[in-house]
């Protein structure tokens, strides 16, 4: 007869036992709000920067170009994380709210 170590076996009791944690897939509202704010302010920065550069607000085009570059820096992460949140909300495969890092 073979020796069976029952200390490491899986029984029906182990399967039915409740886990101390639950899976929480709620949307991270604070992080999504930050992503949308970055997207909006980045878009406004790009538009206003182009307007400032075209009309030479501040004396030359450099002020407007700098403002547009700052808008791009805000726009890129805002668009990226807003897209992840949208796709996770719609349930696309490979996208989850856990892909958005906590603030």
N, C-alpha and C. Protein backbone atom coordinates (compact mmCIF):
# COMPACT_ATOMS: atom_id res chain seq x y z
N UNK A 1 0.84 -1.16 0.00
CA UNK A 1 0.00 0.00 0.00
C UNK A 1 0.90 1.24 0.00
N UNK A 2 0.52 2.23 -0.79
CA UNK A 2 1.32 3.44 -0.95
C UNK A 2 1.04 4.41 0.18
N UNK A 3 2.07 5.16 0.51
CA UNK A 3 1.94 6.17 1.56
C UNK A 3 1.33 7.44 0.96
N UNK A 4 0.26 7.97 1.59
CA UNK A 4 -0.41 9.19 1.13
C UNK A 4 -0.29 10.23 2.23
N UNK A 5 0.28 11.36 1.90
CA UNK A 5 0.40 12.45 2.87
C UNK A 5 -0.84 13.33 2.77
N UNK A 6 -1.70 13.24 3.77
CA UNK A 6 -2.97 13.97 3.75
C UNK A 6 -2.81 15.45 4.11
N UNK A 7 -1.66 15.86 4.52
CA UNK A 7 -1.45 17.27 4.88
C UNK A 7 -1.51 18.18 3.65
N UNK A 8 -1.17 17.63 2.48
CA UNK A 8 -1.15 18.45 1.28
C UNK A 8 -2.24 18.06 0.28
N UNK A 9 -3.20 17.29 0.68
CA UNK A 9 -4.26 16.90 -0.24
C UNK A 9 -5.37 17.94 -0.24
N UNK A 10 -6.09 18.00 -1.32
CA UNK A 10 -7.21 18.92 -1.44
C UNK A 10 -8.49 18.13 -1.24
N UNK A 11 -9.27 18.55 -0.29
CA UNK A 11 -10.54 17.88 -0.03
C UNK A 11 -11.68 18.84 -0.38
N UNK A 12 -12.90 18.34 -0.25
CA UNK A 12 -14.07 19.17 -0.51
C UNK A 12 -14.16 20.33 0.47
N UNK A 13 -13.67 20.14 1.69
CA UNK A 13 -13.71 21.22 2.67
C UNK A 13 -12.84 22.39 2.23
N UNK A 14 -11.69 22.11 1.63
CA UNK A 14 -10.80 23.17 1.17
C UNK A 14 -11.43 23.98 0.04
N UNK A 15 -12.13 23.32 -0.85
CA UNK A 15 -12.76 24.00 -1.97
C UNK A 15 -13.92 24.87 -1.49
N UNK A 16 -14.68 24.41 -0.53
CA UNK A 16 -15.85 25.14 -0.04
C UNK A 16 -15.49 26.25 0.95
N UNK A 17 -14.24 26.28 1.38
CA UNK A 17 -13.85 27.26 2.37
C UNK A 17 -13.87 28.67 1.77
N UNK A 18 -14.35 29.66 2.51
CA UNK A 18 -14.43 31.01 2.02
C UNK A 18 -13.05 31.66 2.04
N UNK A 19 -12.79 32.46 1.03
CA UNK A 19 -11.51 33.16 0.99
C UNK A 19 -11.63 34.46 1.79
N UNK A 20 -10.54 34.95 2.38
CA UNK A 20 -10.61 36.15 3.18
C UNK A 20 -10.68 37.44 2.36
N UNK A 21 -10.56 37.36 1.06
CA UNK A 21 -10.62 38.55 0.23
C UNK A 21 -11.61 38.31 -0.90
N UNK A 22 -12.09 39.39 -1.48
CA UNK A 22 -12.98 39.30 -2.62
C UNK A 22 -12.36 40.05 -3.78
N UNK A 23 -12.66 39.62 -4.97
CA UNK A 23 -12.16 40.28 -6.16
C UNK A 23 -12.99 41.54 -6.38
N UNK A 24 -12.31 42.67 -6.47
CA UNK A 24 -12.99 43.94 -6.62
C UNK A 24 -12.58 44.55 -7.95
N UNK A 25 -13.53 44.62 -8.87
CA UNK A 25 -13.24 45.18 -10.18
C UNK A 25 -14.05 46.46 -10.38
N UNK A 26 -14.17 47.25 -9.33
CA UNK A 26 -14.85 48.53 -9.45
C UNK A 26 -13.96 49.51 -10.19
N UNK A 27 -14.56 50.43 -10.89
CA UNK A 27 -13.73 51.44 -11.58
C UNK A 27 -13.04 52.35 -10.56
N UNK A 28 -11.77 52.63 -10.76
CA UNK A 28 -11.07 53.57 -9.86
C UNK A 28 -11.43 55.00 -10.25
N UNK A 29 -12.43 55.57 -9.59
CA UNK A 29 -12.99 56.85 -9.98
C UNK A 29 -11.97 57.99 -9.90
N UNK A 30 -11.14 57.99 -8.87
CA UNK A 30 -10.16 59.06 -8.70
C UNK A 30 -9.13 59.05 -9.85
N UNK A 31 -8.67 57.88 -10.21
CA UNK A 31 -7.68 57.76 -11.27
C UNK A 31 -8.28 58.09 -12.64
N UNK A 32 -9.53 57.68 -12.86
CA UNK A 32 -10.19 57.99 -14.13
C UNK A 32 -10.46 59.49 -14.22
N UNK A 33 -10.84 60.10 -13.10
CA UNK A 33 -11.04 61.55 -13.08
C UNK A 33 -9.76 62.30 -13.41
N UNK A 34 -8.65 61.84 -12.87
CA UNK A 34 -7.36 62.46 -13.18
C UNK A 34 -7.02 62.28 -14.66
N UNK A 35 -7.27 61.10 -15.21
CA UNK A 35 -6.97 60.85 -16.62
C UNK A 35 -7.81 61.75 -17.53
N UNK A 36 -9.09 61.91 -17.21
CA UNK A 36 -9.96 62.76 -18.02
C UNK A 36 -9.52 64.22 -17.89
N UNK A 37 -9.14 64.65 -16.69
CA UNK A 37 -8.67 66.02 -16.50
C UNK A 37 -7.39 66.27 -17.30
N UNK A 38 -6.46 65.31 -17.29
CA UNK A 38 -5.25 65.45 -18.10
C UNK A 38 -5.58 65.54 -19.59
N UNK A 39 -6.54 64.74 -20.02
CA UNK A 39 -6.94 64.75 -21.42
C UNK A 39 -7.54 66.10 -21.81
N UNK A 40 -8.43 66.62 -20.98
CA UNK A 40 -9.10 67.89 -21.28
C UNK A 40 -8.10 69.05 -21.25
N UNK A 41 -7.31 69.14 -20.18
CA UNK A 41 -6.35 70.24 -20.09
C UNK A 41 -5.25 70.13 -21.14
N UNK A 42 -4.88 68.93 -21.51
CA UNK A 42 -3.90 68.76 -22.57
C UNK A 42 -4.44 69.21 -23.92
N UNK A 43 -5.70 68.86 -24.19
CA UNK A 43 -6.32 69.30 -25.43
C UNK A 43 -6.42 70.82 -25.48
N UNK A 44 -6.87 71.41 -24.36
CA UNK A 44 -6.95 72.87 -24.30
C UNK A 44 -5.57 73.51 -24.46
N UNK A 45 -4.56 72.91 -23.86
CA UNK A 45 -3.20 73.45 -23.98
C UNK A 45 -2.70 73.41 -25.41
N UNK A 46 -2.98 72.34 -26.11
CA UNK A 46 -2.55 72.24 -27.51
C UNK A 46 -3.26 73.28 -28.37
N UNK A 47 -4.58 73.38 -28.19
CA UNK A 47 -5.36 74.32 -28.99
C UNK A 47 -4.96 75.76 -28.69
N UNK A 48 -4.85 76.11 -27.41
CA UNK A 48 -4.47 77.47 -27.04
C UNK A 48 -3.02 77.76 -27.44
N UNK A 49 -2.14 76.78 -27.35
CA UNK A 49 -0.76 76.98 -27.76
C UNK A 49 -0.63 77.25 -29.24
N UNK A 50 -1.38 76.53 -30.04
CA UNK A 50 -1.36 76.78 -31.48
C UNK A 50 -1.94 78.16 -31.78
N UNK A 51 -3.01 78.52 -31.09
CA UNK A 51 -3.60 79.85 -31.26
C UNK A 51 -2.61 80.94 -30.86
N UNK A 52 -1.91 80.73 -29.73
CA UNK A 52 -0.94 81.72 -29.26
C UNK A 52 0.24 81.84 -30.23
N UNK A 53 0.69 80.73 -30.79
CA UNK A 53 1.80 80.76 -31.73
C UNK A 53 1.39 81.44 -33.03
N UNK A 54 0.18 81.18 -33.49
CA UNK A 54 -0.28 81.77 -34.75
C UNK A 54 -0.45 83.28 -34.63
N UNK A 55 -0.99 83.73 -33.51
CA UNK A 55 -1.25 85.16 -33.31
C UNK A 55 -0.12 85.89 -32.58
N UNK A 56 0.96 85.18 -32.31
CA UNK A 56 2.13 85.75 -31.63
C UNK A 56 1.76 86.43 -30.31
N UNK A 57 0.98 85.73 -29.51
CA UNK A 57 0.63 86.23 -28.18
C UNK A 57 1.88 86.13 -27.31
N UNK A 58 2.21 87.20 -26.61
CA UNK A 58 3.41 87.24 -25.79
C UNK A 58 4.61 87.77 -26.52
N UNK A 59 4.44 88.21 -27.75
CA UNK A 59 5.54 88.84 -28.48
C UNK A 59 6.15 87.99 -29.57
N UNK A 60 6.21 86.68 -29.38
CA UNK A 60 6.79 85.82 -30.41
C UNK A 60 6.10 84.46 -30.40
N UNK A 61 6.53 83.59 -31.28
CA UNK A 61 5.90 82.27 -31.39
C UNK A 61 6.36 81.29 -30.31
N UNK A 62 7.45 81.58 -29.64
CA UNK A 62 8.01 80.63 -28.67
C UNK A 62 7.08 80.37 -27.50
N UNK A 63 6.36 81.40 -27.05
CA UNK A 63 5.43 81.21 -25.94
C UNK A 63 4.33 80.22 -26.32
N UNK A 64 3.79 80.37 -27.50
CA UNK A 64 2.73 79.48 -27.96
C UNK A 64 3.22 78.06 -28.18
N UNK A 65 4.41 77.92 -28.75
CA UNK A 65 4.95 76.58 -28.98
C UNK A 65 5.25 75.87 -27.66
N UNK A 66 5.77 76.62 -26.70
CA UNK A 66 6.02 76.04 -25.38
C UNK A 66 4.72 75.60 -24.72
N UNK A 67 3.70 76.42 -24.83
CA UNK A 67 2.39 76.09 -24.26
C UNK A 67 1.81 74.85 -24.95
N UNK A 68 1.97 74.72 -26.25
CA UNK A 68 1.50 73.54 -26.99
C UNK A 68 2.27 72.29 -26.58
N UNK A 69 3.56 72.43 -26.32
CA UNK A 69 4.35 71.28 -25.87
C UNK A 69 3.90 70.82 -24.49
N UNK A 70 3.62 71.76 -23.60
CA UNK A 70 3.08 71.38 -22.29
C UNK A 70 1.73 70.69 -22.43
N UNK A 71 0.92 71.15 -23.37
CA UNK A 71 -0.35 70.50 -23.64
C UNK A 71 -0.17 69.07 -24.12
N UNK A 72 0.85 68.84 -24.94
CA UNK A 72 1.14 67.47 -25.41
C UNK A 72 1.57 66.58 -24.25
N UNK A 73 2.35 67.13 -23.33
CA UNK A 73 2.79 66.34 -22.18
C UNK A 73 1.61 65.94 -21.31
N UNK A 74 0.61 66.78 -21.22
CA UNK A 74 -0.59 66.43 -20.46
C UNK A 74 -1.50 65.49 -21.25
N UNK A 75 -1.58 65.70 -22.56
CA UNK A 75 -2.52 64.96 -23.39
C UNK A 75 -2.17 63.47 -23.49
N UNK A 76 -0.90 63.15 -23.64
CA UNK A 76 -0.51 61.77 -23.92
C UNK A 76 -0.91 60.80 -22.81
N UNK A 77 -0.54 61.02 -21.53
CA UNK A 77 -1.00 60.08 -20.51
C UNK A 77 -2.50 60.14 -20.27
N UNK A 78 -3.09 61.33 -20.45
CA UNK A 78 -4.54 61.44 -20.29
C UNK A 78 -5.29 60.60 -21.30
N UNK A 79 -4.86 60.65 -22.55
CA UNK A 79 -5.50 59.85 -23.59
C UNK A 79 -5.28 58.36 -23.35
N UNK A 80 -4.07 58.00 -22.96
CA UNK A 80 -3.73 56.58 -22.75
C UNK A 80 -4.60 55.95 -21.66
N UNK A 81 -4.68 56.59 -20.50
CA UNK A 81 -5.42 56.00 -19.40
C UNK A 81 -6.94 56.15 -19.56
N UNK A 82 -7.38 57.19 -20.24
CA UNK A 82 -8.82 57.30 -20.54
C UNK A 82 -9.24 56.20 -21.51
N UNK A 83 -8.38 55.89 -22.47
CA UNK A 83 -8.68 54.81 -23.41
C UNK A 83 -8.75 53.47 -22.69
N UNK A 84 -7.83 53.22 -21.77
CA UNK A 84 -7.86 51.96 -21.00
C UNK A 84 -9.15 51.88 -20.19
N UNK A 85 -9.52 52.99 -19.54
CA UNK A 85 -10.74 52.99 -18.73
C UNK A 85 -11.98 52.76 -19.59
N UNK A 86 -12.02 53.36 -20.77
CA UNK A 86 -13.17 53.18 -21.66
C UNK A 86 -13.28 51.74 -22.14
N UNK A 87 -12.16 51.18 -22.57
CA UNK A 87 -12.18 49.80 -23.05
C UNK A 87 -12.50 48.81 -21.93
N UNK A 88 -12.03 49.08 -20.72
CA UNK A 88 -12.35 48.21 -19.60
C UNK A 88 -13.84 48.31 -19.27
N UNK A 89 -14.40 49.52 -19.34
CA UNK A 89 -15.82 49.71 -19.08
C UNK A 89 -16.67 48.97 -20.12
N UNK A 90 -16.26 49.02 -21.38
CA UNK A 90 -16.99 48.35 -22.44
C UNK A 90 -16.78 46.84 -22.43
N UNK A 91 -15.75 46.35 -21.71
CA UNK A 91 -15.53 44.92 -21.58
C UNK A 91 -14.69 44.30 -22.68
N UNK A 92 -13.85 45.09 -23.33
CA UNK A 92 -12.99 44.54 -24.36
C UNK A 92 -11.98 43.57 -23.74
N UNK A 93 -11.67 42.53 -24.48
CA UNK A 93 -10.75 41.52 -23.99
C UNK A 93 -9.35 42.12 -23.84
N UNK A 94 -8.72 41.83 -22.72
CA UNK A 94 -7.36 42.31 -22.46
C UNK A 94 -7.29 43.63 -21.72
N UNK A 95 -8.43 44.26 -21.45
CA UNK A 95 -8.46 45.53 -20.74
C UNK A 95 -9.18 45.36 -19.42
N UNK A 96 -8.60 45.89 -18.36
CA UNK A 96 -9.19 45.80 -17.02
C UNK A 96 -8.88 47.08 -16.27
N UNK A 97 -9.72 47.37 -15.28
CA UNK A 97 -9.47 48.55 -14.45
C UNK A 97 -8.20 48.38 -13.63
N UNK A 98 -7.74 47.15 -13.47
CA UNK A 98 -6.49 46.94 -12.73
C UNK A 98 -5.27 47.39 -13.52
N UNK A 99 -5.44 47.70 -14.82
CA UNK A 99 -4.33 48.23 -15.63
C UNK A 99 -4.06 49.70 -15.36
N UNK A 100 -4.96 50.37 -14.65
CA UNK A 100 -4.78 51.78 -14.32
C UNK A 100 -4.08 51.85 -12.96
N UNK A 101 -2.90 52.47 -12.90
CA UNK A 101 -2.16 52.50 -11.63
C UNK A 101 -2.84 53.41 -10.60
N UNK A 102 -2.72 53.09 -9.33
CA UNK A 102 -3.32 53.95 -8.29
C UNK A 102 -2.57 55.26 -8.16
N UNK A 103 -3.30 56.27 -7.72
CA UNK A 103 -2.70 57.60 -7.54
C UNK A 103 -2.10 57.68 -6.16
